[in-house]
Amino acid sequence: MHKNNMAKITGTVITEPQYDHETAGELFYRTILTTNRKSGCADEIPVIFRKGMVDENKIYYGANISVEGSFCSVNIPAGEKRKLILFLFTEQISDAAQEDDNYIFLHGFICRQPVYRKTPSGRQITDLLVAVNRPGGKSDYIPCICWAGNARYAKNLAVGSRIELTGRIQSREYEKKLDEEQQETRVAYEVSASRIYMIEEGE
């Protein structure tokens, strides 16, 4: 976990850990953690951990745990296009000591023109894509959404603006049209910002 990208989620494991991939001889496993919002809705967040890095005995179906780490992205080929895969990379696991919690802090840069819109119910929303630098020269690209006053503020941010935000990691289902006759249900992940501000030069 690095200071530009810090997340903590407390919730319930809803899938048994499964092998995900191997990199440089190290094995990585994936599971899903569900955490409730105050509204009663639940977010299902993919969690990846490296074998031997955390106490794996705490990760089993039905376990209530707190997971700390960084919200990461990988851009993989998907046919003629590419697909952004998002997950919480785990660096620390502990027994849940409180009710469901979901917190993230990001320090990064606006890397795509903000998109301001209104929902059918009239709520204001701005979509952002935030690049967060990792140690070693790589970056994670995190979709973020801002609401109401935050949306009005964020819509005026220029590409390249350095920002900090806090919020929660969310999941949502949507229908992807495959062709004229077929569509499938997919899941998107994003950060819902509760606070956002631009860092001026010199701060």
N, C-alpha and C. Protein backbone atom coordinates (compact mmCIF):
# COMPACT_ATOMS: atom_id res chain seq x y z
N MET A 1 0.86 -1.19 0.00
CA MET A 1 0.00 0.00 0.00
C MET A 1 0.89 1.23 0.00
N HIS A 2 0.62 2.17 -0.94
CA HIS A 2 1.43 3.38 -0.96
C HIS A 2 0.55 4.58 -0.68
N LYS A 3 1.17 5.68 -0.29
CA LYS A 3 0.44 6.82 0.26
C LYS A 3 -0.48 7.48 -0.76
N ASN A 4 -0.28 7.25 -2.07
CA ASN A 4 -1.15 7.84 -3.09
C ASN A 4 -2.46 7.09 -3.26
N ASN A 5 -2.52 5.87 -2.71
CA ASN A 5 -3.66 4.99 -3.00
C ASN A 5 -3.85 4.06 -1.80
N MET A 6 -4.75 4.43 -0.90
CA MET A 6 -4.96 3.67 0.34
C MET A 6 -6.44 3.35 0.50
N ALA A 7 -6.74 2.08 0.65
CA ALA A 7 -8.13 1.65 0.79
C ALA A 7 -8.27 0.67 1.94
N LYS A 8 -9.43 0.72 2.57
CA LYS A 8 -9.76 -0.26 3.61
C LYS A 8 -11.24 -0.60 3.48
N ILE A 9 -11.51 -1.91 3.40
CA ILE A 9 -12.89 -2.40 3.30
C ILE A 9 -13.11 -3.46 4.37
N THR A 10 -14.20 -3.31 5.09
CA THR A 10 -14.64 -4.33 6.05
C THR A 10 -15.93 -4.94 5.53
N GLY A 11 -15.96 -6.27 5.45
CA GLY A 11 -17.14 -6.92 4.92
C GLY A 11 -17.05 -8.43 5.04
N THR A 12 -17.80 -9.11 4.18
CA THR A 12 -17.92 -10.56 4.25
C THR A 12 -17.41 -11.20 2.96
N VAL A 13 -16.61 -12.25 3.10
CA VAL A 13 -16.11 -13.00 1.95
C VAL A 13 -17.26 -13.85 1.40
N ILE A 14 -17.55 -13.69 0.09
CA ILE A 14 -18.69 -14.41 -0.48
C ILE A 14 -18.28 -15.41 -1.55
N THR A 15 -16.98 -15.57 -1.80
CA THR A 15 -16.50 -16.64 -2.69
C THR A 15 -15.24 -17.25 -2.09
N GLU A 16 -15.07 -18.54 -2.26
CA GLU A 16 -13.83 -19.16 -1.83
C GLU A 16 -12.68 -18.63 -2.69
N PRO A 17 -11.52 -18.36 -2.09
CA PRO A 17 -10.37 -17.89 -2.88
C PRO A 17 -10.02 -18.86 -3.99
N GLN A 18 -9.75 -18.32 -5.18
CA GLN A 18 -9.37 -19.12 -6.33
C GLN A 18 -8.10 -18.56 -6.96
N TYR A 19 -7.31 -19.45 -7.56
CA TYR A 19 -6.09 -19.03 -8.24
C TYR A 19 -6.44 -18.04 -9.34
N ASP A 20 -5.67 -16.95 -9.42
CA ASP A 20 -5.91 -15.92 -10.44
C ASP A 20 -4.78 -15.89 -11.48
N HIS A 21 -3.53 -15.76 -11.05
CA HIS A 21 -2.42 -15.72 -11.99
C HIS A 21 -1.10 -15.90 -11.25
N GLU A 22 -0.05 -16.05 -12.03
CA GLU A 22 1.31 -16.16 -11.49
C GLU A 22 2.19 -15.13 -12.15
N THR A 23 2.99 -14.43 -11.35
CA THR A 23 3.93 -13.43 -11.85
C THR A 23 5.27 -13.61 -11.16
N ALA A 24 6.32 -13.78 -11.96
CA ALA A 24 7.68 -13.92 -11.44
C ALA A 24 7.77 -15.00 -10.37
N GLY A 25 7.05 -16.11 -10.59
CA GLY A 25 7.09 -17.23 -9.66
C GLY A 25 6.21 -17.07 -8.44
N GLU A 26 5.48 -15.95 -8.33
CA GLU A 26 4.60 -15.74 -7.17
C GLU A 26 3.14 -15.97 -7.58
N LEU A 27 2.40 -16.61 -6.69
CA LEU A 27 1.02 -16.97 -6.96
C LEU A 27 0.06 -15.94 -6.37
N PHE A 28 -0.97 -15.61 -7.14
CA PHE A 28 -1.96 -14.64 -6.71
C PHE A 28 -3.35 -15.27 -6.75
N TYR A 29 -4.15 -14.96 -5.74
CA TYR A 29 -5.48 -15.53 -5.62
C TYR A 29 -6.52 -14.40 -5.55
N ARG A 30 -7.75 -14.74 -5.93
CA ARG A 30 -8.84 -13.76 -6.01
C ARG A 30 -10.04 -14.25 -5.20
N THR A 31 -10.72 -13.29 -4.56
CA THR A 31 -11.99 -13.57 -3.90
C THR A 31 -12.86 -12.32 -4.04
N ILE A 32 -14.09 -12.38 -3.52
CA ILE A 32 -15.00 -11.25 -3.55
C ILE A 32 -15.41 -10.90 -2.12
N LEU A 33 -15.35 -9.62 -1.81
CA LEU A 33 -15.77 -9.13 -0.49
C LEU A 33 -16.99 -8.25 -0.68
N THR A 34 -18.05 -8.53 0.07
CA THR A 34 -19.26 -7.71 -0.02
C THR A 34 -19.33 -6.81 1.21
N THR A 35 -19.70 -5.55 0.96
CA THR A 35 -19.80 -4.57 2.04
C THR A 35 -21.05 -3.73 1.84
N ASN A 36 -21.78 -3.47 2.89
CA ASN A 36 -23.07 -2.79 2.79
C ASN A 36 -22.93 -1.28 2.87
N ARG A 37 -23.75 -0.58 2.08
CA ARG A 37 -23.87 0.87 2.19
C ARG A 37 -24.90 1.20 3.27
N LYS A 38 -24.91 2.45 3.69
CA LYS A 38 -25.91 2.88 4.67
C LYS A 38 -27.32 2.76 4.10
N SER A 39 -27.44 2.83 2.77
CA SER A 39 -28.75 2.72 2.13
C SER A 39 -29.29 1.29 2.16
N GLY A 40 -28.40 0.33 2.50
CA GLY A 40 -28.80 -1.07 2.50
C GLY A 40 -28.34 -1.83 1.27
N CYS A 41 -27.93 -1.10 0.22
CA CYS A 41 -27.36 -1.76 -0.96
C CYS A 41 -26.00 -2.35 -0.61
N ALA A 42 -25.59 -3.35 -1.37
CA ALA A 42 -24.30 -3.99 -1.13
C ALA A 42 -23.38 -3.81 -2.33
N ASP A 43 -22.11 -3.58 -2.06
CA ASP A 43 -21.09 -3.55 -3.10
C ASP A 43 -20.25 -4.82 -3.00
N GLU A 44 -19.94 -5.40 -4.17
CA GLU A 44 -19.14 -6.62 -4.21
C GLU A 44 -17.81 -6.28 -4.87
N ILE A 45 -16.75 -6.29 -4.08
CA ILE A 45 -15.45 -5.80 -4.52
C ILE A 45 -14.47 -6.96 -4.73
N PRO A 46 -13.87 -7.07 -5.92
CA PRO A 46 -12.86 -8.11 -6.14
C PRO A 46 -11.59 -7.81 -5.35
N VAL A 47 -11.08 -8.83 -4.72
CA VAL A 47 -9.89 -8.71 -3.87
C VAL A 47 -8.84 -9.71 -4.34
N ILE A 48 -7.62 -9.25 -4.54
CA ILE A 48 -6.52 -10.13 -4.93
C ILE A 48 -5.44 -10.08 -3.86
N PHE A 49 -4.89 -11.23 -3.52
CA PHE A 49 -3.81 -11.28 -2.54
C PHE A 49 -2.72 -12.23 -3.02
N ARG A 50 -1.50 -11.97 -2.59
CA ARG A 50 -0.37 -12.79 -2.97
C ARG A 50 -0.14 -13.87 -1.92
N LYS A 51 0.04 -15.09 -2.38
CA LYS A 51 0.22 -16.23 -1.47
C LYS A 51 1.46 -15.99 -0.61
N GLY A 52 1.28 -16.13 0.68
CA GLY A 52 2.39 -15.95 1.62
C GLY A 52 2.55 -14.54 2.13
N MET A 53 1.79 -13.59 1.57
CA MET A 53 1.94 -12.19 1.98
C MET A 53 1.02 -11.84 3.15
N VAL A 54 -0.14 -12.52 3.23
CA VAL A 54 -1.11 -12.24 4.27
C VAL A 54 -1.51 -13.55 4.94
N ASP A 55 -2.25 -13.46 6.02
CA ASP A 55 -2.74 -14.64 6.72
C ASP A 55 -3.93 -15.22 5.95
N GLU A 56 -3.65 -16.21 5.11
CA GLU A 56 -4.68 -16.77 4.24
C GLU A 56 -5.75 -17.54 5.01
N ASN A 57 -5.45 -17.93 6.25
CA ASN A 57 -6.44 -18.66 7.05
C ASN A 57 -7.65 -17.79 7.39
N LYS A 58 -7.49 -16.48 7.27
CA LYS A 58 -8.60 -15.58 7.56
C LYS A 58 -9.55 -15.41 6.37
N ILE A 59 -9.12 -15.90 5.18
CA ILE A 59 -9.91 -15.67 3.96
C ILE A 59 -10.64 -16.95 3.58
N TYR A 60 -11.89 -17.04 3.95
CA TYR A 60 -12.71 -18.21 3.61
C TYR A 60 -14.16 -17.75 3.48
N TYR A 61 -14.96 -18.54 2.81
CA TYR A 61 -16.35 -18.18 2.57
C TYR A 61 -17.07 -17.90 3.89
N GLY A 62 -17.69 -16.72 3.99
CA GLY A 62 -18.44 -16.35 5.17
C GLY A 62 -17.65 -15.59 6.22
N ALA A 63 -16.34 -15.46 6.03
CA ALA A 63 -15.52 -14.76 7.01
C ALA A 63 -15.79 -13.26 6.98
N ASN A 64 -15.84 -12.65 8.15
CA ASN A 64 -15.94 -11.20 8.26
C ASN A 64 -14.54 -10.65 8.52
N ILE A 65 -14.03 -9.87 7.59
CA ILE A 65 -12.65 -9.41 7.67
C ILE A 65 -12.53 -7.94 7.26
N SER A 66 -11.41 -7.35 7.63
CA SER A 66 -11.03 -6.03 7.14
C SER A 66 -9.82 -6.21 6.24
N VAL A 67 -9.88 -5.61 5.07
CA VAL A 67 -8.82 -5.73 4.08
C VAL A 67 -8.26 -4.34 3.80
N GLU A 68 -6.93 -4.20 3.87
CA GLU A 68 -6.28 -2.93 3.56
C GLU A 68 -5.32 -3.13 2.40
N GLY A 69 -5.27 -2.13 1.52
CA GLY A 69 -4.38 -2.23 0.38
C GLY A 69 -4.59 -1.08 -0.57
N SER A 70 -4.39 -1.32 -1.88
CA SER A 70 -4.51 -0.30 -2.91
C SER A 70 -5.50 -0.77 -3.98
N PHE A 71 -6.27 0.18 -4.51
CA PHE A 71 -7.23 -0.12 -5.58
C PHE A 71 -6.47 -0.01 -6.90
N CYS A 72 -6.29 -1.14 -7.57
CA CYS A 72 -5.40 -1.22 -8.72
C CYS A 72 -6.16 -1.51 -10.01
N SER A 73 -5.50 -1.24 -11.14
CA SER A 73 -6.09 -1.52 -12.45
C SER A 73 -5.09 -2.24 -13.34
N VAL A 74 -5.64 -3.07 -14.22
CA VAL A 74 -4.85 -3.73 -15.26
C VAL A 74 -5.63 -3.60 -16.56
N ASN A 75 -4.97 -3.20 -17.63
CA ASN A 75 -5.61 -3.04 -18.93
C ASN A 75 -5.25 -4.24 -19.79
N ILE A 76 -6.25 -5.09 -20.08
CA ILE A 76 -5.97 -6.33 -20.80
C ILE A 76 -6.67 -6.33 -22.16
N PRO A 77 -6.14 -7.10 -23.13
CA PRO A 77 -6.80 -7.21 -24.43
C PRO A 77 -8.16 -7.89 -24.29
N ALA A 78 -9.14 -7.38 -25.06
CA ALA A 78 -10.47 -7.98 -25.11
C ALA A 78 -10.96 -7.89 -26.54
N GLY A 79 -10.58 -8.86 -27.36
CA GLY A 79 -10.90 -8.80 -28.79
C GLY A 79 -10.08 -7.72 -29.45
N GLU A 80 -10.77 -6.83 -30.17
CA GLU A 80 -10.07 -5.73 -30.83
C GLU A 80 -9.89 -4.53 -29.91
N LYS A 81 -10.47 -4.60 -28.72
CA LYS A 81 -10.37 -3.49 -27.77
C LYS A 81 -9.57 -3.93 -26.54
N ARG A 82 -9.56 -3.09 -25.54
CA ARG A 82 -8.92 -3.42 -24.27
C ARG A 82 -9.93 -3.21 -23.15
N LYS A 83 -9.73 -3.92 -22.07
CA LYS A 83 -10.67 -3.88 -20.94
C LYS A 83 -9.91 -3.53 -19.68
N LEU A 84 -10.47 -2.60 -18.90
CA LEU A 84 -9.86 -2.18 -17.65
C LEU A 84 -10.39 -3.06 -16.52
N ILE A 85 -9.49 -3.80 -15.89
CA ILE A 85 -9.83 -4.68 -14.77
C ILE A 85 -9.41 -3.98 -13.47
N LEU A 86 -10.34 -3.89 -12.52
CA LEU A 86 -10.08 -3.21 -11.26
C LEU A 86 -10.21 -4.19 -10.10
N PHE A 87 -9.37 -4.01 -9.09
CA PHE A 87 -9.40 -4.90 -7.93
C PHE A 87 -8.68 -4.24 -6.76
N LEU A 88 -8.98 -4.70 -5.56
CA LEU A 88 -8.27 -4.25 -4.37
C LEU A 88 -7.11 -5.21 -4.12
N PHE A 89 -5.88 -4.70 -4.26
CA PHE A 89 -4.71 -5.53 -3.99
C PHE A 89 -4.42 -5.48 -2.49
N THR A 90 -4.46 -6.64 -1.87
CA THR A 90 -4.43 -6.75 -0.41
C THR A 90 -3.01 -6.79 0.13
N GLU A 91 -2.78 -5.98 1.15
CA GLU A 91 -1.49 -6.00 1.83
C GLU A 91 -1.63 -6.34 3.31
N GLN A 92 -2.86 -6.24 3.82
CA GLN A 92 -3.08 -6.58 5.23
C GLN A 92 -4.50 -7.04 5.43
N ILE A 93 -4.67 -8.10 6.20
CA ILE A 93 -5.99 -8.63 6.53
C ILE A 93 -6.10 -8.79 8.04
N SER A 94 -7.23 -8.40 8.58
CA SER A 94 -7.46 -8.57 10.01
C SER A 94 -8.91 -8.97 10.23
N ASP A 95 -9.19 -9.50 11.42
CA ASP A 95 -10.57 -9.83 11.78
C ASP A 95 -11.39 -8.54 11.84
N ALA A 96 -12.62 -8.59 11.35
CA ALA A 96 -13.47 -7.40 11.37
C ALA A 96 -13.79 -7.03 12.82
N ALA A 97 -13.49 -5.77 13.17
CA ALA A 97 -13.73 -5.32 14.54
C ALA A 97 -14.88 -4.31 14.59
N GLN A 98 -15.53 -4.08 13.45
CA GLN A 98 -16.60 -3.10 13.41
C GLN A 98 -17.57 -3.46 12.30
N GLU A 99 -18.60 -2.65 12.15
CA GLU A 99 -19.56 -2.88 11.08
C GLU A 99 -18.90 -2.62 9.73
N ASP A 100 -19.63 -2.99 8.67
CA ASP A 100 -19.09 -2.82 7.32
C ASP A 100 -18.56 -1.40 7.12
N ASP A 101 -17.38 -1.32 6.52
CA ASP A 101 -16.73 -0.04 6.27
C ASP A 101 -16.14 -0.08 4.87
N ASN A 102 -16.00 1.09 4.26
CA ASN A 102 -15.50 1.17 2.89
C ASN A 102 -14.91 2.57 2.71
N TYR A 103 -13.59 2.66 2.64
CA TYR A 103 -12.92 3.96 2.57
C TYR A 103 -11.75 3.88 1.60
N ILE A 104 -11.57 4.95 0.81
CA ILE A 104 -10.42 5.02 -0.08
C ILE A 104 -9.93 6.46 -0.17
N PHE A 105 -8.61 6.61 -0.25
CA PHE A 105 -7.96 7.89 -0.48
C PHE A 105 -7.11 7.77 -1.74
N LEU A 106 -7.26 8.73 -2.66
CA LEU A 106 -6.47 8.75 -3.89
C LEU A 106 -5.81 10.11 -4.06
N HIS A 107 -4.57 10.09 -4.50
CA HIS A 107 -3.84 11.30 -4.89
C HIS A 107 -3.34 11.04 -6.30
N GLY A 108 -3.89 11.78 -7.27
CA GLY A 108 -3.53 11.49 -8.66
C GLY A 108 -3.81 12.66 -9.58
N PHE A 109 -3.98 12.35 -10.86
CA PHE A 109 -4.12 13.36 -11.89
C PHE A 109 -5.34 13.05 -12.77
N ILE A 110 -6.07 14.08 -13.15
CA ILE A 110 -7.16 13.93 -14.12
C ILE A 110 -6.53 13.58 -15.47
N CYS A 111 -6.89 12.44 -16.05
CA CYS A 111 -6.25 12.02 -17.29
C CYS A 111 -7.22 11.92 -18.46
N ARG A 112 -8.48 12.35 -18.24
CA ARG A 112 -9.46 12.40 -19.33
C ARG A 112 -10.43 13.54 -19.03
N GLN A 113 -10.92 14.17 -20.06
CA GLN A 113 -11.83 15.29 -19.87
C GLN A 113 -13.03 14.86 -19.02
N PRO A 114 -13.31 15.57 -17.90
CA PRO A 114 -14.47 15.22 -17.08
C PRO A 114 -15.77 15.28 -17.88
N VAL A 115 -16.69 14.40 -17.56
CA VAL A 115 -17.99 14.34 -18.25
C VAL A 115 -19.09 14.64 -17.23
N TYR A 116 -19.75 15.75 -17.43
CA TYR A 116 -20.83 16.18 -16.54
C TYR A 116 -22.18 15.79 -17.16
N ARG A 117 -23.10 15.29 -16.34
CA ARG A 117 -24.40 14.88 -16.84
C ARG A 117 -25.41 14.90 -15.69
N LYS A 118 -26.64 14.61 -16.03
CA LYS A 118 -27.68 14.47 -15.03
C LYS A 118 -28.35 13.11 -15.18
N THR A 119 -28.67 12.50 -14.06
CA THR A 119 -29.37 11.23 -14.10
C THR A 119 -30.84 11.48 -14.48
N PRO A 120 -31.57 10.43 -14.86
CA PRO A 120 -33.00 10.61 -15.18
C PRO A 120 -33.79 11.26 -14.04
N SER A 121 -33.32 11.09 -12.81
CA SER A 121 -34.02 11.69 -11.67
C SER A 121 -33.57 13.12 -11.41
N GLY A 122 -32.59 13.61 -12.22
CA GLY A 122 -32.16 14.99 -12.08
C GLY A 122 -30.92 15.20 -11.23
N ARG A 123 -30.32 14.13 -10.71
CA ARG A 123 -29.11 14.28 -9.90
C ARG A 123 -27.92 14.62 -10.79
N GLN A 124 -27.09 15.53 -10.32
CA GLN A 124 -25.90 15.93 -11.06
C GLN A 124 -24.75 14.96 -10.78
N ILE A 125 -24.02 14.61 -11.82
CA ILE A 125 -22.92 13.66 -11.68
C ILE A 125 -21.83 14.00 -12.67
N THR A 126 -20.58 13.87 -12.24
CA THR A 126 -19.43 14.05 -13.13
C THR A 126 -18.56 12.80 -13.07
N ASP A 127 -18.25 12.27 -14.26
CA ASP A 127 -17.38 11.10 -14.37
C ASP A 127 -15.94 11.56 -14.57
N LEU A 128 -15.03 10.97 -13.80
CA LEU A 128 -13.61 11.28 -13.91
C LEU A 128 -12.82 9.99 -14.12
N LEU A 129 -11.67 10.10 -14.77
CA LEU A 129 -10.69 9.03 -14.79
C LEU A 129 -9.43 9.59 -14.17
N VAL A 130 -9.00 8.99 -13.07
CA VAL A 130 -7.87 9.49 -12.30
C VAL A 130 -6.69 8.53 -12.41
N ALA A 131 -5.53 9.06 -12.81
CA ALA A 131 -4.30 8.28 -12.88
C ALA A 131 -3.55 8.44 -11.56
N VAL A 132 -3.25 7.32 -10.93
CA VAL A 132 -2.54 7.33 -9.65
C VAL A 132 -1.21 6.61 -9.84
N ASN A 133 -0.12 7.31 -9.58
CA ASN A 133 1.21 6.73 -9.80
C ASN A 133 1.54 5.66 -8.76
N ARG A 134 2.12 4.58 -9.24
CA ARG A 134 2.64 3.54 -8.36
C ARG A 134 4.16 3.70 -8.23
N PRO A 135 4.76 3.16 -7.19
CA PRO A 135 6.22 3.07 -7.16
C PRO A 135 6.69 2.21 -8.34
N GLY A 136 7.76 2.59 -8.98
CA GLY A 136 8.27 1.81 -10.10
C GLY A 136 7.88 2.35 -11.45
N GLY A 137 7.13 3.46 -11.49
CA GLY A 137 6.85 4.11 -12.76
C GLY A 137 5.54 3.74 -13.42
N LYS A 138 4.79 2.79 -12.87
CA LYS A 138 3.49 2.44 -13.45
C LYS A 138 2.39 3.28 -12.80
N SER A 139 1.21 3.23 -13.41
CA SER A 139 0.07 3.98 -12.88
C SER A 139 -1.18 3.11 -12.87
N ASP A 140 -2.08 3.40 -11.95
CA ASP A 140 -3.42 2.80 -11.94
C ASP A 140 -4.40 3.86 -12.44
N TYR A 141 -5.37 3.41 -13.24
CA TYR A 141 -6.37 4.31 -13.81
C TYR A 141 -7.72 3.98 -13.18
N ILE A 142 -8.21 4.91 -12.36
CA ILE A 142 -9.36 4.64 -11.51
C ILE A 142 -10.56 5.50 -11.95
N PRO A 143 -11.66 4.86 -12.40
CA PRO A 143 -12.89 5.62 -12.69
C PRO A 143 -13.49 6.14 -11.38
N CYS A 144 -13.86 7.41 -11.38
CA CYS A 144 -14.44 8.03 -10.19
C CYS A 144 -15.71 8.78 -10.59
N ILE A 145 -16.64 8.88 -9.66
CA ILE A 145 -17.85 9.66 -9.89
C ILE A 145 -18.02 10.65 -8.75
N CYS A 146 -18.51 11.85 -9.09
CA CYS A 146 -18.77 12.89 -8.12
C CYS A 146 -20.23 13.32 -8.24
N TRP A 147 -20.85 13.66 -7.11
CA TRP A 147 -22.26 13.99 -7.09
C TRP A 147 -22.47 15.43 -6.63
N ALA A 148 -23.58 16.02 -7.05
CA ALA A 148 -24.08 17.30 -6.55
C ALA A 148 -22.99 18.38 -6.60
N GLY A 149 -22.66 18.99 -5.43
CA GLY A 149 -21.66 20.05 -5.40
C GLY A 149 -20.30 19.58 -5.88
N ASN A 150 -19.93 18.35 -5.53
CA ASN A 150 -18.67 17.79 -6.01
C ASN A 150 -18.69 17.65 -7.53
N ALA A 151 -19.84 17.32 -8.10
CA ALA A 151 -19.96 17.19 -9.55
C ALA A 151 -19.76 18.54 -10.23
N ARG A 152 -20.34 19.59 -9.66
CA ARG A 152 -20.18 20.92 -10.25
C ARG A 152 -18.74 21.39 -10.16
N TYR A 153 -18.08 21.04 -9.08
CA TYR A 153 -16.66 21.39 -8.92
C TYR A 153 -15.79 20.60 -9.89
N ALA A 154 -16.02 19.31 -9.98
CA ALA A 154 -15.14 18.43 -10.76
C ALA A 154 -15.28 18.65 -12.26
N LYS A 155 -16.45 19.10 -12.72
CA LYS A 155 -16.65 19.24 -14.17
C LYS A 155 -15.73 20.29 -14.78
N ASN A 156 -15.19 21.19 -13.94
CA ASN A 156 -14.32 22.26 -14.43
C ASN A 156 -12.83 21.94 -14.31
N LEU A 157 -12.51 20.75 -13.82
CA LEU A 157 -11.10 20.37 -13.69
C LEU A 157 -10.51 20.08 -15.06
N ALA A 158 -9.32 20.57 -15.29
CA ALA A 158 -8.65 20.36 -16.57
C ALA A 158 -7.86 19.06 -16.55
N VAL A 159 -7.69 18.46 -17.72
CA VAL A 159 -6.82 17.29 -17.84
C VAL A 159 -5.42 17.68 -17.35
N GLY A 160 -4.85 16.85 -16.50
CA GLY A 160 -3.55 17.14 -15.92
C GLY A 160 -3.62 17.72 -14.52
N SER A 161 -4.83 18.14 -14.08
CA SER A 161 -4.98 18.68 -12.72
C SER A 161 -4.61 17.63 -11.68
N ARG A 162 -3.87 18.03 -10.68
CA ARG A 162 -3.51 17.12 -9.58
C ARG A 162 -4.56 17.25 -8.49
N ILE A 163 -5.12 16.14 -8.07
CA ILE A 163 -6.22 16.17 -7.12
C ILE A 163 -5.99 15.17 -5.98
N GLU A 164 -6.74 15.37 -4.92
CA GLU A 164 -6.90 14.37 -3.87
C GLU A 164 -8.39 14.16 -3.66
N LEU A 165 -8.76 12.92 -3.42
CA LEU A 165 -10.16 12.65 -3.11
C LEU A 165 -10.28 11.51 -2.11
N THR A 166 -11.37 11.52 -1.39
CA THR A 166 -11.73 10.41 -0.52
C THR A 166 -13.12 9.96 -0.89
N GLY A 167 -13.42 8.71 -0.61
CA GLY A 167 -14.73 8.18 -0.94
C GLY A 167 -14.82 6.71 -0.63
N ARG A 168 -15.61 5.99 -1.44
CA ARG A 168 -15.80 4.55 -1.25
C ARG A 168 -15.75 3.87 -2.61
N ILE A 169 -15.36 2.59 -2.59
CA ILE A 169 -15.33 1.78 -3.81
C ILE A 169 -16.71 1.15 -3.99
N GLN A 170 -17.26 1.29 -5.18
CA GLN A 170 -18.60 0.78 -5.44
C GLN A 170 -18.62 -0.16 -6.64
N SER A 171 -19.63 -1.01 -6.66
CA SER A 171 -19.88 -1.87 -7.81
C SER A 171 -21.30 -1.61 -8.30
N ARG A 172 -21.51 -1.78 -9.60
CA ARG A 172 -22.86 -1.63 -10.16
C ARG A 172 -22.98 -2.51 -11.40
N GLU A 173 -24.16 -3.02 -11.60
CA GLU A 173 -24.43 -3.82 -12.79
C GLU A 173 -24.96 -2.94 -13.91
N TYR A 174 -24.63 -3.32 -15.14
CA TYR A 174 -25.18 -2.62 -16.30
C TYR A 174 -25.32 -3.62 -17.45
N GLU A 175 -26.13 -3.25 -18.43
CA GLU A 175 -26.37 -4.13 -19.57
C GLU A 175 -25.50 -3.69 -20.75
N LYS A 176 -24.68 -4.60 -21.24
CA LYS A 176 -23.80 -4.33 -22.39
C LYS A 176 -24.41 -4.96 -23.64
N LYS A 177 -24.68 -4.12 -24.66
CA LYS A 177 -25.25 -4.62 -25.90
C LYS A 177 -24.14 -5.24 -26.75
N LEU A 178 -24.29 -6.52 -27.09
CA LEU A 178 -23.28 -7.23 -27.86
C LEU A 178 -23.55 -7.12 -29.36
N ASP A 179 -24.82 -7.19 -29.73
CA ASP A 179 -25.23 -7.02 -31.12
C ASP A 179 -26.70 -6.63 -31.12
N GLU A 180 -27.35 -6.73 -32.26
CA GLU A 180 -28.75 -6.31 -32.36
C GLU A 180 -29.69 -7.17 -31.52
N GLU A 181 -29.28 -8.39 -31.22
CA GLU A 181 -30.17 -9.31 -30.51
C GLU A 181 -29.68 -9.70 -29.12
N GLN A 182 -28.41 -9.52 -28.84
CA GLN A 182 -27.85 -10.02 -27.59
C GLN A 182 -27.30 -8.90 -26.72
N GLN A 183 -27.45 -9.09 -25.42
CA GLN A 183 -26.80 -8.23 -24.44
C GLN A 183 -26.49 -9.07 -23.21
N GLU A 184 -25.55 -8.61 -22.41
CA GLU A 184 -25.19 -9.35 -21.21
C GLU A 184 -25.01 -8.40 -20.03
N THR A 185 -25.23 -8.93 -18.84
CA THR A 185 -25.07 -8.14 -17.63
C THR A 185 -23.60 -8.13 -17.22
N ARG A 186 -23.05 -6.96 -17.01
CA ARG A 186 -21.67 -6.82 -16.57
C ARG A 186 -21.61 -6.00 -15.28
N VAL A 187 -20.46 -6.02 -14.65
CA VAL A 187 -20.27 -5.27 -13.40
C VAL A 187 -19.17 -4.24 -13.60
N ALA A 188 -19.44 -3.01 -13.22
CA ALA A 188 -18.45 -1.94 -13.27
C ALA A 188 -18.05 -1.57 -11.84
N TYR A 189 -16.81 -1.13 -11.70
CA TYR A 189 -16.30 -0.71 -10.39
C TYR A 189 -15.80 0.73 -10.52
N GLU A 190 -16.04 1.50 -9.47
CA GLU A 190 -15.66 2.91 -9.50
C GLU A 190 -15.55 3.42 -8.08
N VAL A 191 -14.95 4.59 -7.93
CA VAL A 191 -14.87 5.26 -6.64
C VAL A 191 -15.91 6.37 -6.62
N SER A 192 -16.78 6.36 -5.64
CA SER A 192 -17.75 7.43 -5.43
C SER A 192 -17.14 8.41 -4.44
N ALA A 193 -16.84 9.62 -4.93
CA ALA A 193 -16.12 10.60 -4.12
C ALA A 193 -17.04 11.31 -3.13
N SER A 194 -16.60 11.42 -1.89
CA SER A 194 -17.32 12.22 -0.90
C SER A 194 -16.64 13.56 -0.70
N ARG A 195 -15.37 13.64 -1.11
CA ARG A 195 -14.60 14.89 -0.99
C ARG A 195 -13.56 14.91 -2.09
N ILE A 196 -13.40 16.05 -2.76
CA ILE A 196 -12.42 16.17 -3.82
C ILE A 196 -11.91 17.61 -3.86
N TYR A 197 -10.61 17.78 -4.05
CA TYR A 197 -10.09 19.13 -4.26
C TYR A 197 -8.83 19.07 -5.10
N MET A 198 -8.57 20.17 -5.81
CA MET A 198 -7.39 20.27 -6.66
C MET A 198 -6.22 20.81 -5.84
N ILE A 199 -5.06 20.23 -6.08
CA ILE A 199 -3.85 20.67 -5.39
C ILE A 199 -3.15 21.70 -6.27
N GLU A 200 -3.01 22.89 -5.76
CA GLU A 200 -2.36 23.97 -6.50
C GLU A 200 -0.86 23.72 -6.58
N GLU A 201 -0.22 24.28 -7.61
CA GLU A 201 1.22 24.16 -7.76
C GLU A 201 1.91 24.70 -6.53
N GLY A 202 2.85 23.91 -6.01
CA GLY A 202 3.59 24.35 -4.84
C GLY A 202 3.08 23.80 -3.54
N GLU A 203 1.87 23.21 -3.55
CA GLU A 203 1.34 22.62 -2.30
C GLU A 203 2.01 21.31 -1.99
